[in-house]
Amino acid sequence: MQLKELTTIEEMLTQIETIHFLYPKMTIEKYKEYLSLMLPHNYKQLAVFENDVCVGITGFWKGVKLWSGPYLEIDNFVVHPEYRKKGIGKLMTDYIDAKAKELGSTMIVLDAYVENFTAHKFYYNQGFVPRGYHFLKIINPEQLSS
């Protein structure tokens, strides 16, 4: 397995098939638009390849909040269905752990849908714990990816 940081829109766009496992209706146009808004805010992706096939991908970005100081956020953690339970997710979280330490982050944060119990179990096993609730108020449902 090869891990690679993706830092350009072009590199990220070529992995849209893997993104489709999480967001099947994501168009290339919408993906490109959102990436162009995210990249100026420290957004990168980590991709895992077996040969030339992307078998896992996650976004991540560094931020700062008053309560936590600098943190690293995992965004859209996806493992190809045929490669689940084969250590791909662990490879990615280990890489993100090392990246967070390298960047001087105080913590790693992420969101997981409340009904995604498989993800909850995985994240607990990786040392993550719930800290609070992530509240949202949907203003424009047409723009949602899921």
N, C-alpha and C. Protein backbone atom coordinates (compact mmCIF):
# COMPACT_ATOMS: atom_id res chain seq x y z
N MET A 1 0.84 -1.18 0.00
CA MET A 1 0.00 0.00 0.00
C MET A 1 0.88 1.25 0.00
N GLN A 2 0.47 2.22 -0.76
CA GLN A 2 1.20 3.48 -0.83
C GLN A 2 0.29 4.61 -0.33
N LEU A 3 0.79 5.42 0.58
CA LEU A 3 0.06 6.58 1.07
C LEU A 3 0.61 7.82 0.39
N LYS A 4 -0.29 8.71 0.00
CA LYS A 4 0.13 9.91 -0.70
C LYS A 4 -0.75 11.08 -0.29
N GLU A 5 -0.12 12.21 0.05
CA GLU A 5 -0.88 13.43 0.30
C GLU A 5 -1.22 14.07 -1.04
N LEU A 6 -2.49 14.40 -1.19
CA LEU A 6 -2.95 15.10 -2.39
C LEU A 6 -3.12 16.57 -2.01
N THR A 7 -2.52 17.45 -2.79
CA THR A 7 -2.53 18.87 -2.43
C THR A 7 -3.12 19.76 -3.52
N THR A 8 -3.41 19.20 -4.68
CA THR A 8 -3.96 20.02 -5.77
C THR A 8 -5.35 19.52 -6.15
N ILE A 9 -6.12 20.42 -6.70
CA ILE A 9 -7.46 20.04 -7.17
C ILE A 9 -7.37 18.93 -8.20
N GLU A 10 -6.41 19.01 -9.09
CA GLU A 10 -6.27 18.01 -10.15
C GLU A 10 -6.06 16.61 -9.56
N GLU A 11 -5.17 16.50 -8.56
CA GLU A 11 -4.93 15.20 -7.92
C GLU A 11 -6.19 14.69 -7.24
N MET A 12 -6.91 15.58 -6.59
CA MET A 12 -8.11 15.20 -5.84
C MET A 12 -9.24 14.79 -6.78
N LEU A 13 -9.40 15.51 -7.87
CA LEU A 13 -10.48 15.20 -8.82
C LEU A 13 -10.34 13.80 -9.40
N THR A 14 -9.12 13.33 -9.57
CA THR A 14 -8.93 12.00 -10.16
C THR A 14 -9.39 10.88 -9.23
N GLN A 15 -9.68 11.21 -7.97
CA GLN A 15 -10.13 10.19 -7.00
C GLN A 15 -11.62 10.28 -6.71
N ILE A 16 -12.38 10.90 -7.60
CA ILE A 16 -13.81 11.08 -7.34
C ILE A 16 -14.55 9.74 -7.22
N GLU A 17 -14.08 8.70 -7.89
CA GLU A 17 -14.75 7.39 -7.77
C GLU A 17 -14.75 6.91 -6.33
N THR A 18 -13.68 7.14 -5.61
CA THR A 18 -13.62 6.75 -4.20
C THR A 18 -14.56 7.62 -3.37
N ILE A 19 -14.62 8.90 -3.66
CA ILE A 19 -15.55 9.81 -2.98
C ILE A 19 -16.99 9.34 -3.19
N HIS A 20 -17.28 8.77 -4.35
CA HIS A 20 -18.64 8.30 -4.65
C HIS A 20 -19.11 7.20 -3.70
N PHE A 21 -18.21 6.50 -3.03
CA PHE A 21 -18.65 5.50 -2.05
C PHE A 21 -19.33 6.16 -0.86
N LEU A 22 -19.00 7.41 -0.59
CA LEU A 22 -19.63 8.17 0.48
C LEU A 22 -20.73 9.08 -0.05
N TYR A 23 -20.46 9.71 -1.18
CA TYR A 23 -21.40 10.65 -1.79
C TYR A 23 -21.68 10.24 -3.24
N PRO A 24 -22.57 9.28 -3.46
CA PRO A 24 -22.80 8.75 -4.81
C PRO A 24 -23.28 9.79 -5.83
N LYS A 25 -23.92 10.84 -5.37
CA LYS A 25 -24.48 11.83 -6.30
C LYS A 25 -23.54 13.01 -6.55
N MET A 26 -22.34 12.97 -5.97
CA MET A 26 -21.39 14.08 -6.13
C MET A 26 -20.98 14.18 -7.60
N THR A 27 -21.21 15.34 -8.20
CA THR A 27 -20.77 15.56 -9.58
C THR A 27 -19.34 16.07 -9.57
N ILE A 28 -18.67 15.91 -10.67
CA ILE A 28 -17.30 16.41 -10.79
C ILE A 28 -17.29 17.94 -10.67
N GLU A 29 -18.32 18.59 -11.18
CA GLU A 29 -18.40 20.05 -11.11
C GLU A 29 -18.54 20.52 -9.65
N LYS A 30 -19.43 19.87 -8.91
CA LYS A 30 -19.64 20.25 -7.52
C LYS A 30 -18.39 19.95 -6.69
N TYR A 31 -17.78 18.79 -6.95
CA TYR A 31 -16.56 18.42 -6.24
C TYR A 31 -15.47 19.45 -6.48
N LYS A 32 -15.29 19.84 -7.73
CA LYS A 32 -14.27 20.84 -8.07
C LYS A 32 -14.57 22.18 -7.40
N GLU A 33 -15.83 22.59 -7.43
CA GLU A 33 -16.22 23.86 -6.81
C GLU A 33 -15.92 23.85 -5.31
N TYR A 34 -16.33 22.78 -4.62
CA TYR A 34 -16.10 22.70 -3.18
C TYR A 34 -14.61 22.64 -2.85
N LEU A 35 -13.86 21.86 -3.61
CA LEU A 35 -12.41 21.79 -3.38
C LEU A 35 -11.76 23.15 -3.55
N SER A 36 -12.20 23.90 -4.56
CA SER A 36 -11.59 25.22 -4.79
C SER A 36 -11.87 26.17 -3.63
N LEU A 37 -12.97 25.94 -2.90
CA LEU A 37 -13.27 26.75 -1.72
C LEU A 37 -12.51 26.25 -0.49
N MET A 38 -12.18 24.96 -0.45
CA MET A 38 -11.55 24.36 0.72
C MET A 38 -10.02 24.50 0.72
N LEU A 39 -9.40 24.36 -0.43
CA LEU A 39 -7.94 24.37 -0.49
C LEU A 39 -7.29 25.62 0.11
N PRO A 40 -7.86 26.81 -0.07
CA PRO A 40 -7.23 27.98 0.55
C PRO A 40 -7.27 27.96 2.08
N HIS A 41 -8.00 27.01 2.66
CA HIS A 41 -8.13 26.92 4.12
C HIS A 41 -7.39 25.70 4.67
N ASN A 42 -6.23 25.42 4.12
CA ASN A 42 -5.34 24.34 4.60
C ASN A 42 -5.86 22.94 4.32
N TYR A 43 -6.79 22.77 3.40
CA TYR A 43 -7.34 21.44 3.12
C TYR A 43 -6.39 20.63 2.25
N LYS A 44 -6.21 19.37 2.65
CA LYS A 44 -5.44 18.39 1.88
C LYS A 44 -6.18 17.07 1.95
N GLN A 45 -5.74 16.12 1.17
CA GLN A 45 -6.29 14.77 1.26
C GLN A 45 -5.16 13.77 1.41
N LEU A 46 -5.48 12.70 2.09
CA LEU A 46 -4.58 11.55 2.18
C LEU A 46 -5.25 10.42 1.41
N ALA A 47 -4.53 9.84 0.47
CA ALA A 47 -5.05 8.73 -0.32
C ALA A 47 -4.18 7.50 -0.12
N VAL A 48 -4.82 6.34 -0.11
CA VAL A 48 -4.11 5.07 0.00
C VAL A 48 -4.34 4.33 -1.32
N PHE A 49 -3.25 3.90 -1.92
CA PHE A 49 -3.33 3.22 -3.20
C PHE A 49 -2.80 1.79 -3.08
N GLU A 50 -3.49 0.88 -3.74
CA GLU A 50 -2.96 -0.45 -3.98
C GLU A 50 -2.77 -0.52 -5.49
N ASN A 51 -1.51 -0.62 -5.91
CA ASN A 51 -1.16 -0.44 -7.31
C ASN A 51 -1.64 0.95 -7.70
N ASP A 52 -2.51 1.08 -8.69
CA ASP A 52 -3.00 2.41 -9.08
C ASP A 52 -4.44 2.65 -8.63
N VAL A 53 -4.96 1.79 -7.78
CA VAL A 53 -6.34 1.90 -7.33
C VAL A 53 -6.40 2.61 -5.97
N CYS A 54 -7.19 3.66 -5.89
CA CYS A 54 -7.38 4.36 -4.62
C CYS A 54 -8.33 3.53 -3.77
N VAL A 55 -7.83 3.03 -2.64
CA VAL A 55 -8.64 2.16 -1.78
C VAL A 55 -9.08 2.87 -0.50
N GLY A 56 -8.58 4.07 -0.28
CA GLY A 56 -9.00 4.86 0.88
C GLY A 56 -8.62 6.31 0.67
N ILE A 57 -9.45 7.18 1.21
CA ILE A 57 -9.16 8.61 1.08
C ILE A 57 -9.82 9.35 2.24
N THR A 58 -9.15 10.37 2.71
CA THR A 58 -9.73 11.27 3.70
C THR A 58 -9.18 12.66 3.50
N GLY A 59 -10.02 13.62 3.77
CA GLY A 59 -9.56 14.99 3.79
C GLY A 59 -9.08 15.32 5.19
N PHE A 60 -8.23 16.32 5.28
CA PHE A 60 -7.82 16.81 6.60
C PHE A 60 -7.39 18.26 6.47
N TRP A 61 -7.58 18.98 7.55
CA TRP A 61 -7.13 20.37 7.57
C TRP A 61 -6.84 20.82 8.98
N LYS A 62 -5.90 21.74 9.06
CA LYS A 62 -5.50 22.29 10.35
C LYS A 62 -6.32 23.54 10.62
N GLY A 63 -6.75 23.66 11.85
CA GLY A 63 -7.48 24.84 12.28
C GLY A 63 -7.09 25.20 13.70
N VAL A 64 -7.66 26.27 14.19
CA VAL A 64 -7.42 26.72 15.55
C VAL A 64 -8.75 27.18 16.13
N LYS A 65 -9.03 26.75 17.35
CA LYS A 65 -10.20 27.21 18.09
C LYS A 65 -9.74 27.67 19.46
N LEU A 66 -10.47 28.59 20.04
CA LEU A 66 -10.08 29.13 21.34
C LEU A 66 -10.02 28.04 22.40
N TRP A 67 -10.96 27.11 22.41
CA TRP A 67 -11.00 26.11 23.48
C TRP A 67 -9.95 25.03 23.32
N SER A 68 -9.48 24.79 22.08
CA SER A 68 -8.56 23.67 21.86
C SER A 68 -7.17 24.08 21.42
N GLY A 69 -7.03 25.28 20.90
CA GLY A 69 -5.78 25.64 20.25
C GLY A 69 -5.73 24.98 18.89
N PRO A 70 -4.53 24.73 18.35
CA PRO A 70 -4.42 24.13 17.02
C PRO A 70 -4.89 22.67 17.04
N TYR A 71 -5.67 22.31 16.04
CA TYR A 71 -6.19 20.95 15.91
C TYR A 71 -6.11 20.51 14.45
N LEU A 72 -6.23 19.23 14.23
CA LEU A 72 -6.30 18.68 12.88
C LEU A 72 -7.66 18.02 12.75
N GLU A 73 -8.38 18.36 11.70
CA GLU A 73 -9.71 17.79 11.49
C GLU A 73 -9.71 16.81 10.33
N ILE A 74 -10.26 15.63 10.59
CA ILE A 74 -10.48 14.62 9.55
C ILE A 74 -11.82 14.93 8.91
N ASP A 75 -11.88 14.87 7.60
CA ASP A 75 -13.11 15.21 6.88
C ASP A 75 -13.35 14.20 5.76
N ASN A 76 -14.49 13.53 5.79
CA ASN A 76 -14.88 12.58 4.73
C ASN A 76 -13.93 11.40 4.62
N PHE A 77 -13.99 10.53 5.60
CA PHE A 77 -13.14 9.34 5.70
C PHE A 77 -13.80 8.22 4.92
N VAL A 78 -13.16 7.76 3.84
CA VAL A 78 -13.77 6.77 2.94
C VAL A 78 -12.80 5.62 2.68
N VAL A 79 -13.29 4.39 2.85
CA VAL A 79 -12.53 3.21 2.46
C VAL A 79 -13.37 2.44 1.44
N HIS A 80 -12.74 2.07 0.33
CA HIS A 80 -13.40 1.29 -0.72
C HIS A 80 -14.06 0.07 -0.07
N PRO A 81 -15.33 -0.20 -0.38
CA PRO A 81 -16.04 -1.33 0.27
C PRO A 81 -15.32 -2.68 0.18
N GLU A 82 -14.63 -2.94 -0.91
CA GLU A 82 -13.93 -4.22 -1.06
C GLU A 82 -12.66 -4.31 -0.20
N TYR A 83 -12.25 -3.19 0.38
CA TYR A 83 -11.02 -3.15 1.16
C TYR A 83 -11.27 -2.87 2.65
N ARG A 84 -12.53 -2.85 3.05
CA ARG A 84 -12.84 -2.60 4.46
C ARG A 84 -12.43 -3.80 5.31
N LYS A 85 -12.08 -3.50 6.55
CA LYS A 85 -11.62 -4.50 7.52
C LYS A 85 -10.30 -5.14 7.10
N LYS A 86 -9.48 -4.38 6.35
CA LYS A 86 -8.17 -4.87 5.91
C LYS A 86 -7.05 -3.94 6.37
N GLY A 87 -7.35 -3.04 7.31
CA GLY A 87 -6.31 -2.19 7.87
C GLY A 87 -6.11 -0.86 7.17
N ILE A 88 -6.90 -0.57 6.14
CA ILE A 88 -6.74 0.69 5.40
C ILE A 88 -7.05 1.89 6.31
N GLY A 89 -8.16 1.79 7.04
CA GLY A 89 -8.54 2.87 7.94
C GLY A 89 -7.48 3.13 9.00
N LYS A 90 -6.92 2.07 9.54
CA LYS A 90 -5.86 2.20 10.55
C LYS A 90 -4.63 2.87 9.95
N LEU A 91 -4.27 2.50 8.72
CA LEU A 91 -3.15 3.17 8.04
C LEU A 91 -3.40 4.68 7.98
N MET A 92 -4.64 5.05 7.63
CA MET A 92 -4.95 6.47 7.48
C MET A 92 -4.95 7.18 8.83
N THR A 93 -5.54 6.59 9.87
CA THR A 93 -5.55 7.27 11.17
C THR A 93 -4.14 7.35 11.76
N ASP A 94 -3.31 6.34 11.54
CA ASP A 94 -1.93 6.40 12.01
C ASP A 94 -1.18 7.56 11.33
N TYR A 95 -1.40 7.71 10.03
CA TYR A 95 -0.77 8.80 9.29
C TYR A 95 -1.24 10.16 9.82
N ILE A 96 -2.55 10.27 10.02
CA ILE A 96 -3.11 11.52 10.53
C ILE A 96 -2.60 11.82 11.94
N ASP A 97 -2.46 10.79 12.78
CA ASP A 97 -1.88 10.98 14.12
C ASP A 97 -0.48 11.59 14.02
N ALA A 98 0.34 11.02 13.15
CA ALA A 98 1.70 11.52 12.98
C ALA A 98 1.70 12.94 12.42
N LYS A 99 0.81 13.21 11.48
CA LYS A 99 0.71 14.55 10.88
C LYS A 99 0.29 15.58 11.94
N ALA A 100 -0.67 15.21 12.80
CA ALA A 100 -1.12 16.12 13.85
C ALA A 100 0.03 16.46 14.80
N LYS A 101 0.83 15.46 15.14
CA LYS A 101 1.98 15.71 16.02
C LYS A 101 3.00 16.60 15.32
N GLU A 102 3.25 16.31 14.05
CA GLU A 102 4.20 17.11 13.25
C GLU A 102 3.78 18.58 13.19
N LEU A 103 2.47 18.83 13.10
CA LEU A 103 1.95 20.19 12.99
C LEU A 103 1.72 20.87 14.34
N GLY A 104 2.02 20.17 15.42
CA GLY A 104 1.85 20.76 16.74
C GLY A 104 0.41 20.88 17.19
N SER A 105 -0.44 19.99 16.71
CA SER A 105 -1.86 20.02 17.07
C SER A 105 -2.07 19.49 18.48
N THR A 106 -3.09 20.02 19.15
CA THR A 106 -3.43 19.52 20.48
C THR A 106 -4.34 18.30 20.40
N MET A 107 -5.04 18.14 19.28
CA MET A 107 -5.98 17.04 19.13
C MET A 107 -6.35 16.84 17.67
N ILE A 108 -7.00 15.72 17.42
CA ILE A 108 -7.60 15.42 16.12
C ILE A 108 -9.10 15.36 16.34
N VAL A 109 -9.86 15.99 15.47
CA VAL A 109 -11.31 15.99 15.59
C VAL A 109 -11.94 15.46 14.31
N LEU A 110 -13.18 14.97 14.43
CA LEU A 110 -13.92 14.51 13.26
C LEU A 110 -15.39 14.47 13.60
N ASP A 111 -16.21 14.40 12.59
CA ASP A 111 -17.64 14.19 12.73
C ASP A 111 -17.98 12.82 12.16
N ALA A 112 -18.94 12.14 12.77
CA ALA A 112 -19.47 10.88 12.25
C ALA A 112 -20.98 10.93 12.39
N TYR A 113 -21.67 10.51 11.36
CA TYR A 113 -23.13 10.51 11.42
C TYR A 113 -23.60 9.67 12.61
N VAL A 114 -24.63 10.13 13.30
CA VAL A 114 -25.08 9.45 14.51
C VAL A 114 -25.53 8.01 14.25
N GLU A 115 -25.99 7.71 13.06
CA GLU A 115 -26.46 6.36 12.75
C GLU A 115 -25.35 5.44 12.22
N ASN A 116 -24.14 5.94 12.07
CA ASN A 116 -23.05 5.15 11.51
C ASN A 116 -22.28 4.43 12.62
N PHE A 117 -22.90 3.38 13.16
CA PHE A 117 -22.32 2.66 14.30
C PHE A 117 -21.01 1.96 13.97
N THR A 118 -20.85 1.53 12.73
CA THR A 118 -19.59 0.91 12.31
C THR A 118 -18.44 1.90 12.44
N ALA A 119 -18.68 3.14 12.00
CA ALA A 119 -17.66 4.18 12.12
C ALA A 119 -17.38 4.50 13.58
N HIS A 120 -18.43 4.55 14.39
CA HIS A 120 -18.23 4.84 15.81
C HIS A 120 -17.29 3.82 16.44
N LYS A 121 -17.56 2.55 16.17
CA LYS A 121 -16.73 1.48 16.74
C LYS A 121 -15.28 1.63 16.27
N PHE A 122 -15.10 1.90 14.98
CA PHE A 122 -13.75 2.08 14.43
C PHE A 122 -13.05 3.24 15.14
N TYR A 123 -13.72 4.39 15.25
CA TYR A 123 -13.07 5.55 15.86
C TYR A 123 -12.77 5.32 17.34
N TYR A 124 -13.68 4.66 18.06
CA TYR A 124 -13.38 4.31 19.46
C TYR A 124 -12.11 3.47 19.52
N ASN A 125 -11.99 2.49 18.64
CA ASN A 125 -10.82 1.61 18.62
C ASN A 125 -9.53 2.36 18.26
N GLN A 126 -9.66 3.52 17.64
CA GLN A 126 -8.49 4.33 17.29
C GLN A 126 -8.19 5.38 18.36
N GLY A 127 -8.93 5.36 19.46
CA GLY A 127 -8.66 6.27 20.57
C GLY A 127 -9.49 7.54 20.58
N PHE A 128 -10.45 7.67 19.68
CA PHE A 128 -11.32 8.84 19.66
C PHE A 128 -12.45 8.66 20.66
N VAL A 129 -12.90 9.76 21.25
CA VAL A 129 -14.04 9.73 22.17
C VAL A 129 -14.97 10.89 21.82
N PRO A 130 -16.27 10.72 22.05
CA PRO A 130 -17.18 11.85 21.80
C PRO A 130 -16.98 12.93 22.87
N ARG A 131 -17.02 14.16 22.45
CA ARG A 131 -16.79 15.28 23.38
C ARG A 131 -18.06 16.13 23.53
N GLY A 132 -18.91 16.14 22.52
CA GLY A 132 -20.11 16.96 22.58
C GLY A 132 -21.00 16.66 21.39
N TYR A 133 -21.91 17.53 21.12
CA TYR A 133 -22.82 17.39 19.99
C TYR A 133 -22.43 18.39 18.91
N HIS A 134 -22.56 17.98 17.68
CA HIS A 134 -22.34 18.89 16.56
C HIS A 134 -23.73 19.27 16.06
N PHE A 135 -24.18 20.47 16.40
CA PHE A 135 -25.50 20.92 15.99
C PHE A 135 -25.42 21.56 14.61
N LEU A 136 -26.49 21.45 13.86
CA LEU A 136 -26.55 22.11 12.56
C LEU A 136 -27.97 22.56 12.28
N LYS A 137 -28.08 23.54 11.44
CA LYS A 137 -29.36 24.05 10.98
C LYS A 137 -29.23 24.18 9.47
N ILE A 138 -29.95 23.36 8.74
CA ILE A 138 -29.84 23.34 7.28
C ILE A 138 -30.58 24.54 6.70
N ILE A 139 -29.86 25.33 5.94
CA ILE A 139 -30.40 26.53 5.31
C ILE A 139 -30.73 26.27 3.84
N ASN A 140 -29.89 25.50 3.15
CA ASN A 140 -30.08 25.23 1.73
C ASN A 140 -29.87 23.75 1.44
N PRO A 141 -30.91 22.92 1.56
CA PRO A 141 -30.74 21.47 1.40
C PRO A 141 -30.29 21.05 -0.01
N GLU A 142 -30.53 21.88 -1.01
CA GLU A 142 -30.13 21.54 -2.39
C GLU A 142 -28.62 21.46 -2.53
N GLN A 143 -27.88 22.11 -1.65
CA GLN A 143 -26.42 22.12 -1.76
C GLN A 143 -25.78 20.96 -1.01
N LEU A 144 -26.55 20.18 -0.26
CA LEU A 144 -25.99 19.07 0.51
C LEU A 144 -25.49 17.97 -0.40
N SER A 145 -24.43 17.31 -0.01
CA SER A 145 -23.87 16.20 -0.77
C SER A 145 -24.48 14.87 -0.39
N SER A 146 -25.11 14.80 0.77
CA SER A 146 -25.75 13.54 1.18
C SER A 146 -27.15 13.78 1.69
